[in-house]
Amino acid sequence: MDLTVSIGSLRLPNPLIAASGCFGYGVEYSDVVDLSTLGGVAVKGLFLAEREGHPPPRIVETPSGMLNAIGLQGIGVHRFIREKLPELRDRRAITFVNICGTTIDEYVELARILSDHEGVAALELNISCPNIKEGGITFGCSLTGTHAVVSAVRKVTTLPVIPKLTPNVTDVASFAKAAENAGADAVSLVNTFLAMAIDVETRRPRLSNIVGGLSGPAIRPIAVRMVYECRQAVKLPIIGMGGIASAADVLEFLIAGATAVQVGTANFVEPFIWPKLIDGLRDYMKRHGIARISELTGSLDTTKKETAWISS
């Protein structure tokens, strides 16, 4: 059975990518997960400089989900290149580097820097983080801003460019189309949903930032719907994500129109989930006589079934 998929010029061994923000820089999981067996690793978002993020509390568990407002804490691109990228190369990880900026110029500079280093497979543009007050969220909620960032980065790199889209808009498919028109090689969606939680005893927000991003199984049906909508609007490969915790969840995204998926919050609950997902996909392919996993992308059957009425 062929589990390989293509994202732009990239050939991935399978459609399972570790999601940015939920897998550290990849190396943190390398003792429990063989990184080379994953379709890819999307590392924690990088700015040009190091960033502290928001003060605690910044993670709250919710029914069937998790609310976070980390604030894109990170080590910055230069420390990443020195301290993390060499090990990712040694572990033969297919590395998607998630980049963040407060200006278009910062995205462009990050793309230039990373394009010069071996081991970077693709650039995921974080234009959709809902819990920082500057930068990406501004671009990601504007069609012209999305087009401008993608277009600017496209001009300075030959690496696959993959903007990560926000669900916090009225029509996500129009943003996928803007990214396609700007030269993106693929889109990834969805990022977290803007949400909040309140401690009713103290009447205070549970997060120091007041609002944060909701992830986990609670968002999956909405994310699947958004992937389906984008599949109708663009020809680009789509990397779907949002609450994946089983092989059946992966299959939902693929059938809705995704070429590959990212698995995020589930890593906090079950870091050994990856072989189970692979085994589940193989079992499904065997049961349904499917030779290539890519055959499932966009295979949703929406034809109406006729009902046979039997008169007594």
Foldseek 3Di string as FASTA:
>chain_A
DQQWFDQQPDIFSHQEEADAPFCAQVPVLVVPDLQQNGSAYEHHEAFQAFDQFDDDPAWDDDVQWIWGRRRSGDHHDVCCLVPPQVVCVVSNGAYEYEYWDLDLVRLQVSLLVVQVDPRHQAYEYQLPFPRYDGGSNVLQADLVSLLVSLLSNVVRHPHAYEYEHEPPYDQRLSSLVSNVVSPHSEYEDDWFDKDWDADVVVRHTNGPSRIGGIAAQVCLVVQLVNLLSNQVRDPHAYAGEGHDDALVSQLSNQLSAHRHYHYGPNCVVDVNRVVRNVVVVVVVCVVVVNDYSNVNGNNDDPDDDDDDDDDD
